[in-house]
């Protein structure tokens, strides 16, 4: 056991201790927890390293360093240690994302060497729901996307990602990694959509992260020509029903604070704000 205050790269043998930290905040940590529960701490399977911060020999904070840099239950001292390690390693991630306070501190420390960022979203409300709304009927036309409907859902996924992130997911590797991720969600039954009479996507969303205690909805998108027509709230109620019945007892999402229509729709469905995330995009 470590007897000093220090940080290090965790190993597969540290899995139980890492899961104990992640389990302290099951909603906030759902994204990373879902990856660790499937892949463990082996960097090749996990898609990145897991850094640990120890105080008096006890693992107290984590930081996932993969395609995203994600501080987890990170105290100010832990954030400083993670920033030092990230600075020495150089930037390999496409974003920093996590609880707003820890992420803001991490970015302040890294910005002199990693900046400028392409965009900083300083406050993204984290919202949760654990029951169905009583005053909104789920849209009966929202359903799971089938494996043979990849060509149908993929253009909507690309449009959502490009609109949300500001760059196309097809850049770089031609979209191979992104298509694989979409296919994974479809094959696992966690991709949902409503199609119009011509087979075009009207609404879509995914349950992107799932653990026994909490899951996270992502990729919510309404086709531009259907916006402002009351599509989102009933459709989200349908996805919420699937999530609560089939996945986890607590359902979360986070949303840009400037996206007023989306926040209004989520509130109507019963999601309540419980915190905030922050994202730094490169």
Foldseek 3Di string as FASTA:
>chain_A
DDQAWAKDWDDLVCQVLVLVQCVVDCAQNQAQNQLCVVQPQDCVSSQFIKMFTDHRRHTHWIWTQHLETETGNADLVRLVNVLVVDLVVDDDHQKYKGFLPSSVSNCVSNCVPHDDFPDKQRWWFKWKDQDWDPPAAADPQKAQDALVCLVQCVVLLQVLCCVVQVDGCCPDVRNPVVSVLVSVQSVVRFKIFGADPVSHTQWIWGQNGADQAETEIDSTDGPPVCPPVPPQQNNVSVSVVCCCVPTHSMYMYIGRPVPVVVVVSCVNRPIDGDGTMMMGGD
